[in-house]
Structure formats: C-alpha cells, structure tokens
PDB file of all heavy atoms in Angstrom:
ATOM      1  N   GLY A   1       7.046  -4.670  16.369  1.00  0.00           N
ATOM      2  CA  GLY A   1       8.360  -4.337  15.835  1.00  0.00           C
ATOM      3  C   GLY A   1       9.323  -3.902  16.928  1.00  0.00           C
ATOM      4  O   GLY A   1      10.506  -4.254  16.898  1.00  0.00           O
ATOM      5  N   VAL A   2       8.834  -3.156  17.899  1.00  0.00           N
ATOM      6  CA  VAL A   2       9.669  -2.746  19.032  1.00  0.00           C
ATOM      7  C   VAL A   2      10.152  -3.981  19.792  1.00  0.00           C
ATOM      8  O   VAL A   2      11.333  -4.089  20.129  1.00  0.00           O
ATOM      9  CB  VAL A   2       8.899  -1.795  19.978  1.00  0.00           C
ATOM     10  CG1 VAL A   2       9.693  -1.541  21.253  1.00  0.00           C
ATOM     11  CG2 VAL A   2       8.581  -0.495  19.284  1.00  0.00           C
ATOM     12  N   LEU A   3       9.252  -4.922  20.050  1.00  0.00           N
ATOM     13  CA  LEU A   3       9.615  -6.129  20.786  1.00  0.00           C
ATOM     14  C   LEU A   3      10.632  -6.968  20.018  1.00  0.00           C
ATOM     15  O   LEU A   3      11.615  -7.448  20.591  1.00  0.00           O
ATOM     16  CB  LEU A   3       8.369  -6.965  21.103  1.00  0.00           C
ATOM     17  CG  LEU A   3       7.670  -6.664  22.426  1.00  0.00           C
ATOM     18  CD1 LEU A   3       7.197  -5.238  22.516  1.00  0.00           C
ATOM     19  CD2 LEU A   3       6.517  -7.619  22.638  1.00  0.00           C
ATOM     20  N   VAL A   4      10.408  -7.147  18.720  1.00  0.00           N
ATOM     21  CA  VAL A   4      11.339  -7.941  17.905  1.00  0.00           C
ATOM     22  C   VAL A   4      12.710  -7.270  17.872  1.00  0.00           C
ATOM     23  O   VAL A   4      13.743  -7.925  18.049  1.00  0.00           O
ATOM     24  CB  VAL A   4      10.782  -8.148  16.472  1.00  0.00           C
ATOM     25  CG1 VAL A   4      11.839  -8.739  15.561  1.00  0.00           C
ATOM     26  CG2 VAL A   4       9.551  -9.046  16.510  1.00  0.00           C
ATOM     27  N   GLY A   5      12.729  -5.955  17.664  1.00  0.00           N
ATOM     28  CA  GLY A   5      13.998  -5.236  17.637  1.00  0.00           C
ATOM     29  C   GLY A   5      14.730  -5.321  18.963  1.00  0.00           C
ATOM     30  O   GLY A   5      15.945  -5.536  19.011  1.00  0.00           O
ATOM     31  N   ALA A   6      14.003  -5.158  20.069  1.00  0.00           N
ATOM     32  CA  ALA A   6      14.616  -5.244  21.397  1.00  0.00           C
ATOM     33  C   ALA A   6      15.147  -6.647  21.665  1.00  0.00           C
ATOM     34  O   ALA A   6      16.212  -6.816  22.268  1.00  0.00           O
ATOM     35  CB  ALA A   6      13.605  -4.842  22.470  1.00  0.00           C
ATOM     36  N   HIS A   7      14.413  -7.651  21.209  1.00  0.00           N
ATOM     37  CA  HIS A   7      14.860  -9.037  21.371  1.00  0.00           C
ATOM     38  C   HIS A   7      16.189  -9.256  20.638  1.00  0.00           C
ATOM     39  O   HIS A   7      17.150  -9.767  21.221  1.00  0.00           O
ATOM     40  CB  HIS A   7      13.783  -9.983  20.833  1.00  0.00           C
ATOM     41  CG  HIS A   7      14.191 -11.412  20.757  1.00  0.00           C
ATOM     42  ND1 HIS A   7      14.318 -12.200  21.878  1.00  0.00           N
ATOM     43  CD2 HIS A   7      14.515 -12.191  19.704  1.00  0.00           C
ATOM     44  CE1 HIS A   7      14.698 -13.414  21.506  1.00  0.00           C
ATOM     45  NE2 HIS A   7      14.823 -13.429  20.191  1.00  0.00           N
ATOM     46  N   LYS A   8      16.265  -8.841  19.386  1.00  0.00           N
ATOM     47  CA  LYS A   8      17.485  -9.013  18.592  1.00  0.00           C
ATOM     48  C   LYS A   8      18.654  -8.247  19.200  1.00  0.00           C
ATOM     49  O   LYS A   8      19.763  -8.763  19.308  1.00  0.00           O
ATOM     50  CB  LYS A   8      17.266  -8.542  17.152  1.00  0.00           C
ATOM     51  CG  LYS A   8      16.399  -9.466  16.337  1.00  0.00           C
ATOM     52  CD  LYS A   8      16.251  -8.926  14.921  1.00  0.00           C
ATOM     53  CE  LYS A   8      15.449  -9.857  14.054  1.00  0.00           C
ATOM     54  NZ  LYS A   8      15.342  -9.347  12.679  1.00  0.00           N
ATOM     55  N   GLU A   9      18.413  -6.995  19.586  1.00  0.00           N
ATOM     56  CA  GLU A   9      19.480  -6.171  20.153  1.00  0.00           C
ATOM     57  C   GLU A   9      19.941  -6.708  21.507  1.00  0.00           C
ATOM     58  O   GLU A   9      21.132  -6.656  21.820  1.00  0.00           O
ATOM     59  CB  GLU A   9      19.018  -4.719  20.287  1.00  0.00           C
ATOM     60  CG  GLU A   9      18.861  -4.013  18.953  1.00  0.00           C
ATOM     61  CD  GLU A   9      20.187  -3.824  18.225  1.00  0.00           C
ATOM     62  OE1 GLU A   9      21.200  -3.496  18.870  1.00  0.00           O
ATOM     63  OE2 GLU A   9      20.194  -4.020  17.001  1.00  0.00           O
ATOM     64  N   SER A  10      19.020  -7.215  22.312  1.00  0.00           N
ATOM     65  CA  SER A  10      19.401  -7.794  23.601  1.00  0.00           C
ATOM     66  C   SER A  10      20.335  -8.977  23.406  1.00  0.00           C
ATOM     67  O   SER A  10      21.353  -9.095  24.096  1.00  0.00           O
ATOM     68  CB  SER A  10      18.161  -8.248  24.386  1.00  0.00           C
ATOM     69  OG  SER A  10      17.432  -7.151  24.847  1.00  0.00           O
ATOM     70  N   ILE A  11      19.985  -9.838  22.478  1.00  0.00           N
ATOM     71  CA  ILE A  11      20.830 -10.998  22.194  1.00  0.00           C
ATOM     72  C   ILE A  11      22.203 -10.553  21.699  1.00  0.00           C
ATOM     73  O   ILE A  11      23.229 -11.072  22.121  1.00  0.00           O
ATOM     74  CB  ILE A  11      20.140 -11.940  21.194  1.00  0.00           C
ATOM     75  CG1 ILE A  11      18.939 -12.609  21.862  1.00  0.00           C
ATOM     76  CG2 ILE A  11      21.108 -12.977  20.645  1.00  0.00           C
ATOM     77  CD1 ILE A  11      18.057 -13.395  20.927  1.00  0.00           C
ATOM     78  N   ALA A  12      22.229  -9.547  20.832  1.00  0.00           N
ATOM     79  CA  ALA A  12      23.499  -9.036  20.303  1.00  0.00           C
ATOM     80  C   ALA A  12      24.386  -8.463  21.410  1.00  0.00           C
ATOM     81  O   ALA A  12      25.609  -8.471  21.286  1.00  0.00           O
ATOM     82  CB  ALA A  12      23.237  -7.974  19.237  1.00  0.00           C
ATOM     83  N   HIS A  13      23.779  -7.978  22.490  1.00  0.00           N
ATOM     84  CA  HIS A  13      24.533  -7.431  23.613  1.00  0.00           C
ATOM     85  C   HIS A  13      24.790  -8.479  24.705  1.00  0.00           C
ATOM     86  O   HIS A  13      25.237  -8.137  25.793  1.00  0.00           O
ATOM     87  CB  HIS A  13      23.785  -6.238  24.219  1.00  0.00           C
ATOM     88  CG  HIS A  13      23.896  -4.991  23.415  1.00  0.00           C
ATOM     89  ND1 HIS A  13      23.103  -4.743  22.314  1.00  0.00           N
ATOM     90  CD2 HIS A  13      24.721  -3.929  23.536  1.00  0.00           C
ATOM     91  CE1 HIS A  13      23.439  -3.571  21.808  1.00  0.00           C
ATOM     92  NE2 HIS A  13      24.412  -3.053  22.520  1.00  0.00           N
ATOM     93  N   GLY A  14      24.469  -9.738  24.422  1.00  0.00           N
ATOM     94  CA  GLY A  14      24.691 -10.804  25.393  1.00  0.00           C
ATOM     95  C   GLY A  14      23.618 -10.907  26.457  1.00  0.00           C
ATOM     96  O   GLY A  14      23.809 -11.569  27.470  1.00  0.00           O
ATOM     97  N   GLY A  15      22.487 -10.266  26.242  1.00  0.00           N
ATOM     98  CA  GLY A  15      21.397 -10.297  27.206  1.00  0.00           C
ATOM     99  C   GLY A  15      20.210 -11.070  26.671  1.00  0.00           C
ATOM    100  O   GLY A  15      20.351 -11.921  25.792  1.00  0.00           O
ATOM    101  N   ALA A  16      19.049 -10.754  27.212  1.00  0.00           N
ATOM    102  CA  ALA A  16      17.815 -11.415  26.791  1.00  0.00           C
ATOM    103  C   ALA A  16      16.639 -10.499  27.093  1.00  0.00           C
ATOM    104  O   ALA A  16      16.654  -9.772  28.086  1.00  0.00           O
ATOM    105  CB  ALA A  16      17.635 -12.733  27.539  1.00  0.00           C
ATOM    106  N   LEU A  17      15.645 -10.533  26.220  1.00  0.00           N
ATOM    107  CA  LEU A  17      14.401  -9.812  26.469  1.00  0.00           C
ATOM    108  C   LEU A  17      13.409 -10.796  27.077  1.00  0.00           C
ATOM    109  O   LEU A  17      13.208 -11.886  26.552  1.00  0.00           O
ATOM    110  CB  LEU A  17      13.819  -9.240  25.169  1.00  0.00           C
ATOM    111  CG  LEU A  17      12.481  -8.527  25.322  1.00  0.00           C
ATOM    112  CD1 LEU A  17      12.655  -7.216  26.080  1.00  0.00           C
ATOM    113  CD2 LEU A  17      11.838  -8.269  23.977  1.00  0.00           C
ATOM    114  N   ILE A  18      12.820 -10.395  28.187  1.00  0.00           N
ATOM    115  CA  ILE A  18      11.809 -11.213  28.859  1.00  0.00           C
ATOM    116  C   ILE A  18      10.523 -10.402  28.903  1.00  0.00           C
ATOM    117  O   ILE A  18      10.510  -9.278  29.409  1.00  0.00           O
ATOM    118  CB  ILE A  18      12.250 -11.596  30.278  1.00  0.00           C
ATOM    119  CG1 ILE A  18      13.559 -12.395  30.217  1.00  0.00           C
ATOM    120  CG2 ILE A  18      11.160 -12.381  30.994  1.00  0.00           C
ATOM    121  CD1 ILE A  18      14.186 -12.653  31.565  1.00  0.00           C
ATOM    122  N   VAL A  19       9.459 -10.951  28.342  1.00  0.00           N
ATOM    123  CA  VAL A  19       8.159 -10.279  28.303  1.00  0.00           C
ATOM    124  C   VAL A  19       7.305 -10.833  29.442  1.00  0.00           C
ATOM    125  O   VAL A  19       7.177 -12.047  29.598  1.00  0.00           O
ATOM    126  CB  VAL A  19       7.459 -10.496  26.943  1.00  0.00           C
ATOM    127  CG1 VAL A  19       6.081  -9.856  26.940  1.00  0.00           C
ATOM    128  CG2 VAL A  19       8.319  -9.954  25.814  1.00  0.00           C
ATOM    129  N   VAL A  20       6.741  -9.926  30.221  1.00  0.00           N
ATOM    130  CA  VAL A  20       5.951 -10.329  31.388  1.00  0.00           C
ATOM    131  C   VAL A  20       4.567  -9.701  31.324  1.00  0.00           C
ATOM    132  O   VAL A  20       4.420  -8.536  30.949  1.00  0.00           O
ATOM    133  CB  VAL A  20       6.655  -9.872  32.689  1.00  0.00           C
ATOM    134  CG1 VAL A  20       5.807 -10.181  33.905  1.00  0.00           C
ATOM    135  CG2 VAL A  20       8.010 -10.521  32.816  1.00  0.00           C
ATOM    136  N   GLY A  21       3.558 -10.483  31.692  1.00  0.00           N
ATOM    137  CA  GLY A  21       2.206  -9.980  31.909  1.00  0.00           C
ATOM    138  C   GLY A  21       1.417  -9.524  30.709  1.00  0.00           C
ATOM    139  O   GLY A  21       0.599  -8.610  30.847  1.00  0.00           O
ATOM    140  N   PRO A  22       1.603 -10.137  29.533  1.00  0.00           N
ATOM    141  CA  PRO A  22       0.776  -9.675  28.413  1.00  0.00           C
ATOM    142  C   PRO A  22      -0.704  -9.946  28.686  1.00  0.00           C
ATOM    143  O   PRO A  22      -1.060 -11.042  29.107  1.00  0.00           O
ATOM    144  CB  PRO A  22       1.288 -10.480  27.219  1.00  0.00           C
ATOM    145  CG  PRO A  22       1.940 -11.679  27.803  1.00  0.00           C
ATOM    146  CD  PRO A  22       2.449 -11.267  29.154  1.00  0.00           C
ATOM    147  N   GLN A  23      -1.524  -8.938  28.460  1.00  0.00           N
ATOM    148  CA  GLN A  23      -2.967  -9.059  28.639  1.00  0.00           C
ATOM    149  C   GLN A  23      -3.537  -9.958  27.533  1.00  0.00           C
ATOM    150  O   GLN A  23      -2.867 -10.217  26.525  1.00  0.00           O
ATOM    151  CB  GLN A  23      -3.607  -7.680  28.628  1.00  0.00           C
ATOM    152  CG  GLN A  23      -3.146  -6.810  29.780  1.00  0.00           C
ATOM    153  CD  GLN A  23      -3.445  -7.455  31.126  1.00  0.00           C
ATOM    154  OE1 GLN A  23      -4.581  -7.786  31.427  1.00  0.00           O
ATOM    155  NE2 GLN A  23      -2.411  -7.645  31.937  1.00  0.00           N
ATOM    156  N   PRO A  24      -4.767 -10.456  27.683  1.00  0.00           N
ATOM    157  CA  PRO A  24      -5.314 -11.414  26.718  1.00  0.00           C
ATOM    158  C   PRO A  24      -5.209 -10.978  25.246  1.00  0.00           C
ATOM    159  O   PRO A  24      -4.828 -11.787  24.395  1.00  0.00           O
ATOM    160  CB  PRO A  24      -6.770 -11.568  27.148  1.00  0.00           C
ATOM    161  CG  PRO A  24      -6.731 -11.324  28.629  1.00  0.00           C
ATOM    162  CD  PRO A  24      -5.689 -10.256  28.812  1.00  0.00           C
ATOM    163  N   ARG A  25      -5.507  -9.723  24.936  1.00  0.00           N
ATOM    164  CA  ARG A  25      -5.431  -9.275  23.535  1.00  0.00           C
ATOM    165  C   ARG A  25      -3.990  -9.290  23.036  1.00  0.00           C
ATOM    166  O   ARG A  25      -3.720  -9.681  21.900  1.00  0.00           O
ATOM    167  CB  ARG A  25      -6.031  -7.879  23.381  1.00  0.00           C
ATOM    168  CG  ARG A  25      -7.547  -7.871  23.520  1.00  0.00           C
ATOM    169  CD  ARG A  25      -8.123  -6.474  23.513  1.00  0.00           C
ATOM    170  NE  ARG A  25      -7.903  -5.815  22.232  1.00  0.00           N
ATOM    171  CZ  ARG A  25      -8.215  -4.553  21.999  1.00  0.00           C
ATOM    172  NH1 ARG A  25      -8.743  -3.818  22.959  1.00  0.00           N
ATOM    173  NH2 ARG A  25      -8.003  -4.025  20.833  1.00  0.00           N
ATOM    174  N   VAL A  26      -3.078  -8.852  23.878  1.00  0.00           N
ATOM    175  CA  VAL A  26      -1.666  -8.823  23.493  1.00  0.00           C
ATOM    176  C   VAL A  26      -1.121 -10.247  23.388  1.00  0.00           C
ATOM    177  O   VAL A  26      -0.399 -10.586  22.449  1.00  0.00           O
ATOM    178  CB  VAL A  26      -0.843  -7.974  24.488  1.00  0.00           C
ATOM    179  CG1 VAL A  26       0.644  -8.066  24.192  1.00  0.00           C
ATOM    180  CG2 VAL A  26      -1.322  -6.522  24.458  1.00  0.00           C
ATOM    181  N   ARG A  27      -1.480 -11.100  24.330  1.00  0.00           N
ATOM    182  CA  ARG A  27      -1.029 -12.499  24.280  1.00  0.00           C
ATOM    183  C   ARG A  27      -1.540 -13.176  23.007  1.00  0.00           C
ATOM    184  O   ARG A  27      -0.830 -13.961  22.382  1.00  0.00           O
ATOM    185  CB  ARG A  27      -1.483 -13.277  25.508  1.00  0.00           C
ATOM    186  CG  ARG A  27      -0.892 -14.699  25.513  1.00  0.00           C
ATOM    187  CD  ARG A  27      -1.169 -15.447  26.779  1.00  0.00           C
ATOM    188  NE  ARG A  27      -0.330 -15.122  27.891  1.00  0.00           N
ATOM    189  CZ  ARG A  27       0.884 -15.605  28.113  1.00  0.00           C
ATOM    190  NH1 ARG A  27       1.435 -16.402  27.238  1.00  0.00           N
ATOM    191  NH2 ARG A  27       1.554 -15.284  29.184  1.00  0.00           N
ATOM    192  N   LYS A  28      -2.771 -12.859  22.613  1.00  0.00           N
ATOM    193  CA  LYS A  28      -3.338 -13.427  21.392  1.00  0.00           C
ATOM    194  C   LYS A  28      -2.515 -13.009  20.174  1.00  0.00           C
ATOM    195  O   LYS A  28      -2.238 -13.829  19.287  1.00  0.00           O
ATOM    196  CB  LYS A  28      -4.800 -12.997  21.222  1.00  0.00           C
ATOM    197  CG  LYS A  28      -5.493 -13.628  20.046  1.00  0.00           C
ATOM    198  CD  LYS A  28      -6.962 -13.237  20.006  1.00  0.00           C
ATOM    199  CE  LYS A  28      -7.661 -13.903  18.837  1.00  0.00           C
ATOM    200  NZ  LYS A  28      -9.079 -13.539  18.777  1.00  0.00           N
ATOM    201  N   ILE A  29      -2.095 -11.750  20.131  1.00  0.00           N
ATOM    202  CA  ILE A  29      -1.253 -11.275  19.024  1.00  0.00           C
ATOM    203  C   ILE A  29       0.077 -12.026  19.019  1.00  0.00           C
ATOM    204  O   ILE A  29       0.566 -12.445  17.960  1.00  0.00           O
ATOM    205  CB  ILE A  29      -1.029  -9.750  19.136  1.00  0.00           C
ATOM    206  CG1 ILE A  29      -2.334  -9.012  18.866  1.00  0.00           C
ATOM    207  CG2 ILE A  29       0.063  -9.287  18.180  1.00  0.00           C
ATOM    208  CD1 ILE A  29      -2.279  -7.534  19.212  1.00  0.00           C
ATOM    209  N   LEU A  30       0.667 -12.206  20.203  1.00  0.00           N
ATOM    210  CA  LEU A  30       1.935 -12.949  20.284  1.00  0.00           C
ATOM    211  C   LEU A  30       1.760 -14.392  19.819  1.00  0.00           C
ATOM    212  O   LEU A  30       2.646 -14.948  19.169  1.00  0.00           O
ATOM    213  CB  LEU A  30       2.482 -12.910  21.711  1.00  0.00           C
ATOM    214  CG  LEU A  30       2.897 -11.539  22.244  1.00  0.00           C
ATOM    215  CD1 LEU A  30       3.308 -11.648  23.711  1.00  0.00           C
ATOM    216  CD2 LEU A  30       4.011 -10.944  21.404  1.00  0.00           C
ATOM    217  N   LYS A  31       0.604 -14.967  20.136  1.00  0.00           N
ATOM    218  CA  LYS A  31       0.344 -16.349  19.729  1.00  0.00           C
ATOM    219  C   LYS A  31       0.118 -16.448  18.219  1.00  0.00           C
ATOM    220  O   LYS A  31       0.680 -17.321  17.556  1.00  0.00           O
ATOM    221  CB  LYS A  31      -0.871 -16.891  20.487  1.00  0.00           C
ATOM    222  CG  LYS A  31      -1.133 -18.348  20.222  1.00  0.00           C
ATOM    223  CD  LYS A  31      -2.253 -18.877  21.092  1.00  0.00           C
ATOM    224  CE  LYS A  31      -2.407 -20.364  20.858  1.00  0.00           C
ATOM    225  NZ  LYS A  31      -3.391 -20.964  21.751  1.00  0.00           N
TER     226      LYS A  31
END
C-alpha cells in the first residue's frame, strides 16, 4: 500500500517512483 500510494502521489507531482533491488521474496510479491 505504501508503494502504490507513493507511485500515485509521485505521478500527481510530475515525478515517478522507481523501485530498486527487491529481494526474491519481495520481487515475488510484486510479480
């Protein structure tokens, strides 16, 4: 939820959220 909210807010401010280095368990959740 934090990541989704930050992504939406970044776009609203003209920016972008970039996620770097997710570990295997976290990457699996993202997938």
